[in-house]
Amino acid sequence: HIGLGVKCSKEVATAIRGAIILAKLSVLPVRRGYWG
């Protein structure tokens, strides 16, 4: 149970990081468009 919990938490952490990276990549062009 502990091992599964750790694995799930790691997968969730990587998923969250991926979502944050995607959000940043999608936001940056918009900001450049506004400021540019």
PDB file of N, CA and C in Angstrom:
ATOM      1  N   HIS A   1       0.838  -1.205   0.000  1.00  0.00           N
ATOM      2  CA  HIS A   1       0.000   0.000   0.000  1.00  0.00           C
ATOM      3  C   HIS A   1       0.873   1.255   0.000  1.00  0.00           C
ATOM      4  N   ILE A   2       1.916   1.262   0.829  1.00  0.00           N
ATOM      5  CA  ILE A   2       2.797   2.432   0.909  1.00  0.00           C
ATOM      6  C   ILE A   2       3.489   2.644  -0.441  1.00  0.00           C
ATOM      7  N   GLY A   3       3.963   1.549  -1.023  1.00  0.00           N
ATOM      8  CA  GLY A   3       4.660   1.651  -2.304  1.00  0.00           C
ATOM      9  C   GLY A   3       3.740   2.226  -3.374  1.00  0.00           C
ATOM     10  N   LEU A   4       2.485   1.737  -3.412  1.00  0.00           N
ATOM     11  CA  LEU A   4       1.535   2.236  -4.400  1.00  0.00           C
ATOM     12  C   LEU A   4       1.260   3.716  -4.167  1.00  0.00           C
ATOM     13  N   GLY A   5       1.144   4.112  -2.901  1.00  0.00           N
ATOM     14  CA  GLY A   5       0.886   5.519  -2.576  1.00  0.00           C
ATOM     15  C   GLY A   5       2.006   6.407  -3.075  1.00  0.00           C
ATOM     16  N   VAL A   6       3.246   5.950  -2.868  1.00  0.00           N
ATOM     17  CA  VAL A   6       4.401   6.739  -3.308  1.00  0.00           C
ATOM     18  C   VAL A   6       4.410   6.836  -4.827  1.00  0.00           C
ATOM     19  N   LYS A   7       4.124   5.724  -5.498  1.00  0.00           N
ATOM     20  CA  LYS A   7       4.119   5.723  -6.959  1.00  0.00           C
ATOM     21  C   LYS A   7       3.053   6.678  -7.489  1.00  0.00           C
ATOM     22  N   CYS A   8       1.870   6.628  -6.885  1.00  0.00           N
ATOM     23  CA  CYS A   8       0.773   7.497  -7.318  1.00  0.00           C
ATOM     24  C   CYS A   8       1.130   8.959  -7.093  1.00  0.00           C
ATOM     25  N   SER A   9       1.703   9.259  -5.932  1.00  0.00           N
ATOM     26  CA  SER A   9       2.059  10.648  -5.617  1.00  0.00           C
ATOM     27  C   SER A   9       3.112  11.156  -6.596  1.00  0.00           C
ATOM     28  N   LYS A  10       4.055  10.291  -6.972  1.00  0.00           N
ATOM     29  CA  LYS A  10       5.093  10.694  -7.929  1.00  0.00           C
ATOM     30  C   LYS A  10       4.465  10.962  -9.292  1.00  0.00           C
ATOM     31  N   GLU A  11       3.532  10.091  -9.699  1.00  0.00           N
ATOM     32  CA  GLU A  11       2.879  10.272 -10.993  1.00  0.00           C
ATOM     33  C   GLU A  11       2.055  11.550 -11.001  1.00  0.00           C
ATOM     34  N   VAL A  12       1.396  11.820  -9.875  1.00  0.00           N
ATOM     35  CA  VAL A  12       0.591  13.042  -9.770  1.00  0.00           C
ATOM     36  C   VAL A  12       1.497  14.263  -9.842  1.00  0.00           C
ATOM     37  N   ALA A  13       2.648  14.192  -9.157  1.00  0.00           N
ATOM     38  CA  ALA A  13       3.590  15.315  -9.152  1.00  0.00           C
ATOM     39  C   ALA A  13       4.091  15.595 -10.568  1.00  0.00           C
ATOM     40  N   THR A  14       4.441  14.543 -11.306  1.00  0.00           N
ATOM     41  CA  THR A  14       4.932  14.728 -12.671  1.00  0.00           C
ATOM     42  C   THR A  14       3.818  15.261 -13.569  1.00  0.00           C
ATOM     43  N   ALA A  15       2.592  14.804 -13.329  1.00  0.00           N
ATOM     44  CA  ALA A  15       1.456  15.272 -14.121  1.00  0.00           C
ATOM     45  C   ALA A  15       1.221  16.756 -13.872  1.00  0.00           C
ATOM     46  N   ILE A  16       1.321  17.161 -12.604  1.00  0.00           N
ATOM     47  CA  ILE A  16       1.132  18.572 -12.244  1.00  0.00           C
ATOM     48  C   ILE A  16       2.239  19.421 -12.874  1.00  0.00           C
ATOM     49  N   ARG A  17       3.474  18.930 -12.796  1.00  0.00           N
ATOM     50  CA  ARG A  17       4.591  19.679 -13.391  1.00  0.00           C
ATOM     51  C   ARG A  17       4.384  19.825 -14.886  1.00  0.00           C
ATOM     52  N   GLY A  18       3.959  18.742 -15.527  1.00  0.00           N
ATOM     53  CA  GLY A  18       3.703  18.793 -16.970  1.00  0.00           C
ATOM     54  C   GLY A  18       2.622  19.811 -17.298  1.00  0.00           C
ATOM     55  N   ALA A  19       1.565  19.843 -16.480  1.00  0.00           N
ATOM     56  CA  ALA A  19       0.468  20.790 -16.709  1.00  0.00           C
ATOM     57  C   ALA A  19       0.957  22.220 -16.543  1.00  0.00           C
ATOM     58  N   ILE A  20       1.804  22.441 -15.539  1.00  0.00           N
ATOM     59  CA  ILE A  20       2.343  23.789 -15.288  1.00  0.00           C
ATOM     60  C   ILE A  20       3.216  24.223 -16.466  1.00  0.00           C
ATOM     61  N   ILE A  21       4.041  23.304 -16.960  1.00  0.00           N
ATOM     62  CA  ILE A  21       4.919  23.618 -18.092  1.00  0.00           C
ATOM     63  C   ILE A  21       4.076  23.951 -19.318  1.00  0.00           C
ATOM     64  N   LEU A  22       3.029  23.150 -19.566  1.00  0.00           N
ATOM     65  CA  LEU A  22       2.154  23.405 -20.710  1.00  0.00           C
ATOM     66  C   LEU A  22       1.468  24.750 -20.559  1.00  0.00           C
ATOM     67  N   ALA A  23       1.033  25.062 -19.338  1.00  0.00           N
ATOM     68  CA  ALA A  23       0.362  26.343 -19.084  1.00  0.00           C
ATOM     69  C   ALA A  23       1.315  27.496 -19.368  1.00  0.00           C
ATOM     70  N   LYS A  24       2.563  27.374 -18.920  1.00  0.00           N
ATOM     71  CA  LYS A  24       3.552  28.432 -19.147  1.00  0.00           C
ATOM     72  C   LYS A  24       3.802  28.594 -20.641  1.00  0.00           C
ATOM     73  N   LEU A  25       3.943  27.466 -21.358  1.00  0.00           N
ATOM     74  CA  LEU A  25       4.210  27.537 -22.790  1.00  0.00           C
ATOM     75  C   LEU A  25       3.042  28.179 -23.529  1.00  0.00           C
ATOM     76  N   SER A  26       1.818  27.919 -23.082  1.00  0.00           N
ATOM     77  CA  SER A  26       0.639  28.475 -23.749  1.00  0.00           C
ATOM     78  C   SER A  26       0.446  29.934 -23.381  1.00  0.00           C
ATOM     79  N   VAL A  27       0.932  30.342 -22.197  1.00  0.00           N
ATOM     80  CA  VAL A  27       0.766  31.728 -21.739  1.00  0.00           C
ATOM     81  C   VAL A  27       1.822  32.644 -22.351  1.00  0.00           C
ATOM     82  N   LEU A  28       3.062  32.163 -22.469  1.00  0.00           N
ATOM     83  CA  LEU A  28       4.154  32.998 -22.971  1.00  0.00           C
ATOM     84  C   LEU A  28       3.859  33.622 -24.339  1.00  0.00           C
ATOM     85  N   PRO A  29       3.418  32.870 -25.337  1.00  0.00           N
ATOM     86  CA  PRO A  29       3.124  33.471 -26.656  1.00  0.00           C
ATOM     87  C   PRO A  29       2.046  34.539 -26.559  1.00  0.00           C
ATOM     88  N   VAL A  30       1.067  34.344 -25.694  1.00  0.00           N
ATOM     89  CA  VAL A  30      -0.010  35.326 -25.534  1.00  0.00           C
ATOM     90  C   VAL A  30       0.560  36.624 -24.984  1.00  0.00           C
ATOM     91  N   ARG A  31       1.414  36.519 -23.969  1.00  0.00           N
ATOM     92  CA  ARG A  31       2.030  37.709 -23.379  1.00  0.00           C
ATOM     93  C   ARG A  31       2.880  38.433 -24.419  1.00  0.00           C
ATOM     94  N   ARG A  32       3.645  37.677 -25.201  1.00  0.00           N
ATOM     95  CA  ARG A  32       4.487  38.284 -26.233  1.00  0.00           C
ATOM     96  C   ARG A  32       3.610  38.995 -27.255  1.00  0.00           C
ATOM     97  N   GLY A  33       2.465  38.388 -27.557  1.00  0.00           N
ATOM     98  CA  GLY A  33       1.541  38.993 -28.516  1.00  0.00           C
ATOM     99  C   GLY A  33       1.008  40.318 -27.995  1.00  0.00           C
ATOM    100  N   TYR A  34       0.659  40.364 -26.719  1.00  0.00           N
ATOM    101  CA  TYR A  34       0.130  41.596 -26.127  1.00  0.00           C
ATOM    102  C   TYR A  34       1.208  42.671 -26.061  1.00  0.00           C
ATOM    103  N   TRP A  35       2.383  42.283 -25.526  1.00  0.00           N
ATOM    104  CA  TRP A  35       3.448  43.271 -25.323  1.00  0.00           C
ATOM    105  C   TRP A  35       4.141  43.624 -26.636  1.00  0.00           C
ATOM    106  N   GLY A  36       4.195  42.653 -27.564  1.00  0.00           N
ATOM    107  CA  GLY A  36       4.876  42.899 -28.828  1.00  0.00           C
ATOM    108  C   GLY A  36       4.056  43.819 -29.719  1.00  0.00           C
TER     109      GLY A  36
END
